[in-house]
Protein backbone atom coordinates (compact mmCIF):
# COMPACT_ATOMS: atom_id res chain seq x y z
CA MET A 1 -65.01 -24.03 66.08
CA ASN A 2 -61.84 -21.99 66.10
CA ILE A 3 -60.05 -24.96 64.42
CA MET A 4 -62.68 -25.00 61.66
CA LYS A 5 -62.39 -21.23 61.11
CA ALA A 6 -58.59 -21.50 60.80
CA ILE A 7 -58.85 -24.33 58.28
CA PHE A 8 -61.47 -22.50 56.26
CA HIS A 9 -59.34 -19.33 56.32
CA LYS A 10 -56.28 -21.22 55.02
CA LEU A 11 -58.37 -22.84 52.29
CA PHE A 12 -59.72 -19.51 51.21
CA ILE A 13 -56.25 -17.95 51.02
CA ALA A 14 -54.95 -20.98 48.99
CA LEU A 15 -57.94 -20.82 46.60
CA ALA A 16 -57.49 -17.15 46.00
CA ALA A 17 -53.82 -17.56 45.26
CA ILE A 18 -54.64 -20.25 42.72
CA LEU A 19 -57.34 -18.06 41.12
CA ILE A 20 -54.94 -15.10 40.91
CA PHE A 21 -52.14 -17.23 39.45
CA THR A 22 -54.50 -18.86 36.93
CA GLY A 23 -55.94 -15.49 35.97
CA CYS A 24 -52.46 -13.96 35.30
CA LYS A 25 -51.38 -17.02 33.41
CA ARG A 26 -54.50 -16.99 31.29
CA ASP A 27 -54.10 -13.26 30.44
CA ALA A 28 -50.48 -13.86 29.26
CA VAL A 29 -51.48 -16.84 27.15
CA LEU A 30 -54.46 -15.01 25.62
CA THR A 31 -52.23 -11.92 24.82
CA TYR A 32 -49.64 -14.03 23.15
CA MET A 33 -52.09 -16.23 21.33
CA ASP A 34 -53.85 -13.23 19.83
CA VAL A 35 -53.24 -13.15 16.03
CA VAL A 36 -51.04 -10.28 14.93
CA THR A 37 -50.36 -9.58 11.27
CA PHE A 38 -49.23 -6.86 8.91
CA PRO A 39 -52.47 -5.19 7.92
CA SER A 40 -51.32 -4.70 4.28
CA ALA A 41 -48.42 -5.45 1.96
CA VAL A 42 -44.91 -4.00 1.83
CA THR A 43 -44.60 -1.29 -0.93
CA VAL A 44 -41.58 -0.87 -3.15
CA SER A 45 -41.46 2.47 -5.01
CA SER A 46 -39.88 1.04 -8.12
CA GLY A 47 -40.16 -2.43 -9.57
CA ASN A 48 -37.10 -2.02 -11.77
CA VAL A 49 -34.01 -0.18 -10.43
CA VAL A 50 -31.01 0.41 -12.70
CA LEU A 51 -27.93 1.52 -10.86
CA SER A 52 -25.03 3.60 -12.18
CA ALA A 53 -22.48 6.11 -11.02
CA ALA A 54 -24.87 8.84 -11.95
CA ASN A 55 -27.35 7.89 -9.22
CA ASN A 56 -24.86 6.92 -6.51
CA ASP A 57 -25.95 9.78 -4.30
CA SER A 58 -29.65 9.83 -5.26
CA SER A 59 -32.54 7.90 -3.78
CA VAL A 60 -33.31 5.08 -6.07
CA VAL A 61 -35.90 3.01 -4.12
CA THR A 62 -38.06 3.43 -1.08
CA ILE A 63 -39.55 0.47 0.77
CA SER A 64 -42.45 1.12 3.13
CA TRP A 65 -44.95 -0.86 5.21
CA PRO A 66 -47.88 -0.38 7.61
CA ALA A 67 -47.62 -0.38 11.36
CA VAL A 68 -48.28 -3.71 13.10
CA ILE A 69 -50.62 -3.39 16.05
CA PHE A 70 -49.72 -5.57 19.03
CA LYS A 71 -51.97 -5.99 22.09
CA VAL A 72 -49.15 -4.60 24.23
CA ASP A 73 -48.90 -0.85 23.93
CA ALA A 74 -45.13 -0.49 23.40
CA PRO A 75 -42.70 0.56 20.57
CA VAL A 76 -42.29 -2.03 17.83
CA THR A 77 -38.88 -2.77 16.33
CA TYR A 78 -38.76 -3.24 12.53
CA THR A 79 -36.13 -5.16 10.57
CA LEU A 80 -35.86 -5.08 6.75
CA GLN A 81 -34.69 -8.35 5.14
CA MET A 82 -33.34 -8.71 1.64
CA ASP A 83 -32.46 -11.96 -0.13
CA VAL A 84 -32.44 -13.67 -3.58
CA PRO A 85 -35.50 -15.67 -4.56
CA ALA A 86 -33.75 -19.04 -4.35
CA ASP A 87 -32.87 -18.50 -0.77
CA THR A 88 -36.51 -17.70 0.41
CA VAL A 89 -37.81 -21.20 0.03
CA GLY A 90 -37.09 -24.59 1.68
CA GLY A 91 -35.93 -25.53 5.15
CA SER A 92 -33.30 -22.84 5.34
CA ALA A 93 -35.45 -20.09 3.81
CA TRP A 94 -34.16 -16.52 4.52
CA SER A 95 -31.16 -17.87 6.45
CA ASN A 96 -28.79 -15.99 4.16
CA ALA A 97 -30.81 -12.76 4.12
CA VAL A 98 -29.34 -9.36 4.64
CA SER A 99 -31.03 -8.01 7.76
CA ILE A 100 -31.08 -4.32 8.56
CA GLU A 101 -32.59 -3.44 11.95
CA LEU A 102 -34.14 -0.03 11.43
CA GLY A 103 -35.28 0.83 14.98
CA LYS A 104 -38.54 1.39 16.78
CA ASP A 105 -41.65 2.43 14.94
CA VAL A 106 -39.75 3.03 11.60
CA LEU A 107 -42.14 2.43 8.68
CA MET A 108 -39.89 3.13 5.65
CA LYS A 109 -36.35 2.84 4.31
CA SER A 110 -34.87 4.57 1.36
CA TYR A 111 -31.67 3.63 -0.38
CA ASN A 112 -29.36 5.71 -2.57
CA GLY A 113 -27.67 4.05 -5.53
CA SER A 114 -24.32 3.54 -3.97
CA ASP A 115 -25.69 1.72 -0.83
CA LEU A 116 -28.00 -0.49 -2.85
CA ASN A 117 -25.24 -1.32 -5.28
CA THR A 118 -23.02 -2.42 -2.41
CA ILE A 119 -25.71 -4.65 -0.96
CA ALA A 120 -26.45 -6.14 -4.45
CA LEU A 121 -22.85 -6.94 -5.28
CA SER A 122 -21.06 -7.47 -1.98
CA LYS A 123 -23.77 -8.99 0.20
CA LEU A 124 -26.25 -10.66 -2.18
CA GLU A 125 -23.57 -11.44 -4.72
CA LEU A 126 -25.73 -10.44 -7.68
CA ILE A 127 -24.42 -10.24 -11.21
CA ALA A 128 -23.20 -6.79 -12.34
CA ASP A 129 -24.77 -5.30 -15.46
CA SER A 130 -27.58 -7.84 -15.45
CA VAL A 131 -31.22 -7.74 -14.23
CA ASN A 132 -31.42 -9.54 -10.90
CA SER A 133 -34.45 -10.11 -8.56
CA ILE A 134 -34.36 -9.11 -4.94
CA VAL A 135 -37.01 -10.18 -2.47
CA VAL A 136 -37.76 -8.14 0.55
CA ARG A 137 -39.81 -8.60 3.72
CA VAL A 138 -40.17 -6.83 7.01
CA LYS A 139 -40.02 -8.31 10.54
CA ALA A 140 -41.90 -6.60 13.35
CA THR A 141 -40.73 -7.49 16.89
CA LEU A 142 -42.40 -6.88 20.26
CA ASP A 143 -43.42 -9.97 22.34
CA ARG A 144 -42.89 -12.13 19.21
CA ASP A 145 -41.63 -11.80 15.59
CA VAL A 146 -44.18 -11.12 12.87
CA TYR A 147 -43.25 -11.23 9.19
CA SER A 148 -44.80 -9.49 6.24
CA LYS A 149 -45.40 -11.18 2.99
CA ALA A 150 -42.33 -10.98 0.66
CA VAL A 151 -42.26 -8.62 -2.27
CA ALA A 152 -39.81 -8.80 -5.23
CA PHE A 153 -38.24 -6.05 -7.42
CA ASN A 154 -35.63 -6.03 -10.10
CA VAL A 155 -32.16 -4.46 -9.63
CA THR A 156 -29.42 -3.97 -12.23
CA PRO A 157 -26.17 -3.31 -10.27
CA TYR A 158 -23.03 -1.96 -11.95
CA GLN A 159 -19.43 -2.97 -11.39
CA VAL A 160 -17.51 -0.39 -9.48
CA PHE A 161 -13.89 -0.21 -10.59
CA VAL A 162 -11.47 -0.55 -7.68
CA ALA A 163 -7.88 0.04 -8.77
CA HIS A 164 -5.41 -2.50 -7.57
CA VAL A 165 -1.98 -1.21 -6.98
CA LEU A 166 1.68 -2.25 -6.99
CA TYR A 167 4.21 -0.53 -4.73
CA VAL A 168 7.52 0.65 -6.09
CA PRO A 169 10.27 0.45 -3.37
CA GLY A 170 13.88 1.07 -4.50
CA ALA A 171 17.26 2.40 -3.46
CA TYR A 172 15.95 5.91 -4.07
CA GLN A 173 13.73 5.64 -0.99
CA GLY A 174 15.65 3.12 1.18
CA TRP A 175 13.95 -0.12 -0.13
CA ASP A 176 10.94 0.37 2.11
CA PRO A 177 7.68 -0.94 0.68
CA GLY A 178 5.79 0.72 3.58
CA THR A 179 6.54 4.21 2.27
CA ALA A 180 6.89 3.43 -1.41
CA PRO A 181 4.82 5.26 -4.10
CA GLU A 182 2.39 3.29 -6.26
CA ILE A 183 1.38 2.51 -9.71
CA ALA A 184 -2.23 1.46 -10.38
CA GLU A 185 -4.25 -0.89 -12.43
CA ALA A 186 -5.79 0.97 -15.38
CA ASN A 187 -9.58 1.15 -15.60
CA GLY A 188 -10.76 -1.45 -18.14
CA ARG A 189 -7.36 -2.98 -18.57
CA PRO A 190 -6.96 -5.89 -16.08
CA LYS A 191 -3.53 -6.53 -14.76
CA MET A 192 -2.06 -3.48 -16.59
CA TYR A 193 -0.44 -1.15 -14.09
CA GLU A 194 0.89 2.37 -14.80
CA GLY A 195 2.05 5.43 -12.90
CA TYR A 196 4.82 7.99 -12.48
CA ILE A 197 7.68 7.60 -10.00
CA TYR A 198 10.28 10.21 -9.25
CA MET A 199 13.70 8.72 -8.47
CA PRO A 200 15.96 11.62 -7.41
CA GLY A 201 19.76 11.57 -7.81
CA THR A 202 22.06 10.65 -10.63
CA GLY A 203 23.50 7.26 -11.73
CA GLY A 204 21.86 3.94 -11.96
CA GLN A 205 18.61 3.23 -9.97
CA ASP A 206 17.32 -0.21 -8.83
CA PHE A 207 13.82 -0.84 -7.69
CA LYS A 208 11.18 -3.55 -7.56
CA TYR A 209 7.39 -3.88 -7.59
CA THR A 210 5.58 -5.48 -4.74
CA ASP A 211 1.90 -6.33 -4.33
CA ALA A 212 1.89 -5.49 -0.65
CA ARG A 213 3.62 -2.96 1.69
CA ASP A 214 6.09 -5.53 2.80
CA TRP A 215 8.55 -8.18 1.46
CA ASN A 216 6.46 -11.08 2.64
CA HIS A 217 4.22 -11.31 -0.41
CA THR A 218 4.97 -11.34 -4.17
CA ASN A 219 7.63 -9.00 -5.33
CA TYR A 220 8.72 -8.53 -8.94
CA GLY A 221 12.36 -8.31 -9.85
CA ASP A 222 14.39 -8.65 -13.03
CA GLY A 223 13.71 -11.70 -15.15
CA GLY A 224 15.75 -10.40 -18.11
CA ASN A 225 14.82 -8.82 -21.43
CA GLY A 226 12.10 -6.61 -19.92
CA THR A 227 10.43 -9.45 -18.06
CA PHE A 228 9.64 -10.04 -14.39
CA SER A 229 10.97 -12.67 -11.97
CA THR A 230 8.88 -13.41 -8.86
CA ASP A 231 11.86 -15.03 -7.15
CA GLY A 232 12.43 -13.05 -4.04
CA ALA A 233 16.17 -13.28 -4.55
CA ALA A 234 16.01 -11.83 -8.10
CA ALA A 235 17.96 -8.64 -8.87
CA GLY A 236 16.07 -5.34 -8.91
CA LEU A 237 14.76 -3.68 -12.02
CA HIS A 238 17.19 -1.12 -13.30
CA VAL A 239 17.30 2.36 -15.00
CA SER A 240 20.52 4.12 -15.93
CA ASP A 241 19.89 7.45 -14.26
CA GLY A 242 17.64 9.30 -11.74
CA GLY A 243 14.63 11.14 -13.01
CA TYR A 244 10.81 11.20 -13.45
CA TYR A 245 9.71 7.83 -14.84
CA GLU A 246 6.59 6.44 -16.31
CA CYS A 247 6.62 2.96 -14.84
CA THR A 248 4.44 0.12 -16.28
CA ALA A 249 3.75 -3.50 -15.37
CA ASP A 250 1.80 -5.86 -17.53
CA LEU A 251 1.09 -8.97 -15.50
CA ASN A 252 -0.73 -10.51 -18.49
CA THR A 253 2.56 -10.67 -20.41
CA ASN A 254 4.91 -10.54 -17.36
CA THR A 255 6.69 -7.41 -18.75
CA TRP A 256 7.66 -3.99 -17.52
CA THR A 257 8.93 -0.62 -18.76
CA ALA A 258 10.37 2.50 -17.21
CA THR A 259 10.48 5.58 -19.46
CA LYS A 260 12.25 8.69 -18.21
CA THR A 261 10.19 11.81 -18.94
CA THR A 262 10.27 15.56 -18.94
CA TRP A 263 7.10 17.49 -19.77
CA SER A 264 6.16 20.52 -21.88
CA ILE A 265 3.24 22.28 -23.45
CA ILE A 266 2.97 22.81 -27.19
CA GLY A 267 0.38 24.39 -29.46
CA ASP A 268 -0.71 27.69 -31.01
CA ALA A 269 -1.93 28.89 -27.62
CA THR A 270 1.66 28.70 -26.31
CA PRO A 271 4.66 30.95 -26.90
CA GLY A 272 6.40 28.42 -29.13
CA GLY A 273 3.36 27.51 -31.28
CA TRP A 274 3.20 23.98 -32.69
CA ASN A 275 6.86 23.93 -33.60
CA THR A 276 8.62 24.62 -30.20
CA ASP A 277 7.88 23.13 -26.82
CA THR A 278 7.58 25.39 -23.84
CA GLN A 279 9.31 23.33 -21.11
CA MET A 280 7.77 22.61 -17.71
CA THR A 281 9.77 22.31 -14.41
CA TYR A 282 9.30 19.61 -11.83
CA ASP A 283 8.34 20.81 -8.35
CA GLU A 284 9.72 18.10 -6.02
CA THR A 285 7.91 19.44 -2.97
CA ASN A 286 4.42 19.36 -4.46
CA HIS A 287 5.08 16.49 -6.93
CA VAL A 288 3.82 18.44 -9.96
CA TRP A 289 5.12 19.96 -13.20
CA LYS A 290 4.70 23.68 -13.70
CA VAL A 291 5.28 26.40 -16.29
CA THR A 292 4.37 30.13 -16.37
CA ALA A 293 3.75 31.44 -19.84
CA ASP A 294 1.81 33.95 -21.92
CA MET A 295 -1.11 32.07 -23.48
CA LEU A 296 -3.62 32.86 -26.35
CA ALA A 297 -7.29 32.08 -25.97
CA GLY A 298 -7.56 31.76 -29.82
CA GLY A 299 -5.36 28.69 -29.93
CA SER A 300 -5.05 25.37 -28.15
CA PHE A 301 -2.34 23.17 -26.66
CA LYS A 302 -1.43 19.76 -25.37
CA PHE A 303 0.88 18.31 -22.69
CA ARG A 304 3.55 15.96 -24.12
CA ALA A 305 6.63 14.10 -22.82
CA ASN A 306 10.15 14.37 -24.14
CA ASN A 307 9.30 16.86 -26.88
CA ALA A 308 7.76 14.09 -29.00
CA TRP A 309 4.41 12.74 -30.03
CA VAL A 310 4.93 9.44 -28.22
CA ILE A 311 3.44 10.15 -24.80
CA ASP A 312 0.87 13.07 -24.78
CA PHE A 313 -2.38 14.10 -23.32
CA GLY A 314 -5.64 15.48 -24.68
CA ILE A 315 -8.88 15.94 -22.88
CA ASP A 316 -12.21 14.07 -23.19
CA ALA A 317 -15.69 15.61 -23.45
CA ASP A 318 -15.77 16.08 -19.62
CA GLY A 319 -12.45 17.91 -19.52
CA ASN A 320 -10.49 15.00 -18.09
CA LEU A 321 -6.87 14.28 -19.11
CA VAL A 322 -6.64 11.19 -21.25
CA TYR A 323 -3.62 9.77 -23.10
CA ALA A 324 -3.89 10.58 -26.84
CA ASP A 325 -0.69 8.60 -27.46
CA ASN A 326 1.03 6.14 -25.14
CA PRO A 327 3.01 2.99 -26.08
CA PHE A 328 1.52 1.09 -23.16
CA PHE A 329 -2.09 2.00 -23.88
CA GLY A 330 -2.09 2.73 -27.57
CA TYR A 331 -3.75 5.56 -29.39
CA THR A 332 -6.99 7.25 -28.24
CA GLY A 333 -8.92 9.12 -30.85
CA GLY A 334 -11.67 11.73 -30.55
CA LEU A 335 -9.91 13.81 -27.87
CA ASN A 336 -9.82 17.60 -27.74
CA ASN A 337 -6.92 19.95 -27.14
CA LEU A 338 -6.77 22.16 -24.09
CA THR A 339 -7.55 25.83 -24.23
CA VAL A 340 -7.40 28.92 -21.88
CA PRO A 341 -10.48 31.08 -21.42
CA SER A 342 -8.78 34.37 -22.20
CA ASP A 343 -5.43 35.81 -23.26
CA GLY A 344 -2.94 36.36 -20.47
CA ASN A 345 -0.17 35.12 -18.31
CA TYR A 346 -0.88 31.68 -16.76
CA THR A 347 0.67 29.33 -14.38
CA ILE A 348 -0.07 25.83 -15.71
CA THR A 349 0.23 22.78 -13.46
CA LEU A 350 0.28 19.15 -14.52
CA ASP A 351 -0.24 16.70 -11.73
CA LEU A 352 0.72 13.09 -12.48
CA HIS A 353 1.50 11.82 -9.01
CA ASN A 354 -1.84 10.07 -8.42
CA PRO A 355 -1.73 6.97 -10.80
CA GLY A 356 -4.71 6.82 -13.16
CA ASN A 357 -6.13 10.14 -11.97
CA TYR A 358 -4.08 12.80 -13.80
CA THR A 359 -5.15 16.43 -13.48
CA TYR A 360 -4.11 19.94 -14.50
CA ILE A 361 -4.75 23.51 -13.26
CA LEU A 362 -4.87 26.73 -15.39
CA HIS A 363 -4.24 29.69 -13.16
CA LYS A 364 -4.36 33.22 -14.65
CA ASN A 365 -1.78 35.50 -12.92
């Protein structure tokens, strides 16, 4: 009898263990096999987004979605995916998507213009200044991944100008590309570089252009008759004296120039009127040109180089300095002259040290 009780007891324990294990396993399977879906569609706030510099810092589109309810009571992680339509079908669908994990229980994502433009051009490789379609979907993750239906909207990205530069090492600064000043590619003028370089001292000055801050990449030396040579052993470019030079490089025509300049103001707002330039002085410490003069609000003036109408600045409708005359860029019409707001003594500063971004300051004393 005791033997039978012992056997029955062991069988009971084994059966209970099997039932417990089976029950746990069944619960897990049933939880996982439960159908979980997005209860409604993803919503995009605008079906047609046109991007520009004007909305770089503004919200241009908001993408939102409903919460997905899993059987497990825990935070759900949401990931937004963006792709082009052609990459959302076939065996490798969505494999090239831009995926942005947004965190737990996040149900919307807004983009400003700059960020969406970067995604469109740099990550999705869309065509600038053209209407493109972007497809979005959302992934919800807990004990599995659940995907929403995809929604498309149109985006017109714009091309952001990024100025390429050439460095200008020379004898005037120890032939060190690592610390050399730069000239920059002009906006809207591919491979045309321009900027101002101060070469102190007297006597002949030699320099080169390099496309990196070292001598291991392309450097541009003298090819004769105002042309370049990319032979690393070529002689340096040469000017006859130290000074403040407008340096140019046109890689379309393989030519360069270096024009020594001094700067002045001229106009009926200035002490000399339109007949006599009021000279500016170069401030080596701050890399700017300055003049202090009595100015008249009833007149206007311009900045010009070398007391001549060959290189001179006006201002555009936004008050930005723009070349009115320049041999490298040609003539620009429709510009305004500069003015002062009231009569008085002013310190006027012309800053040309940042290539392609030339500025001025009018300070009433």
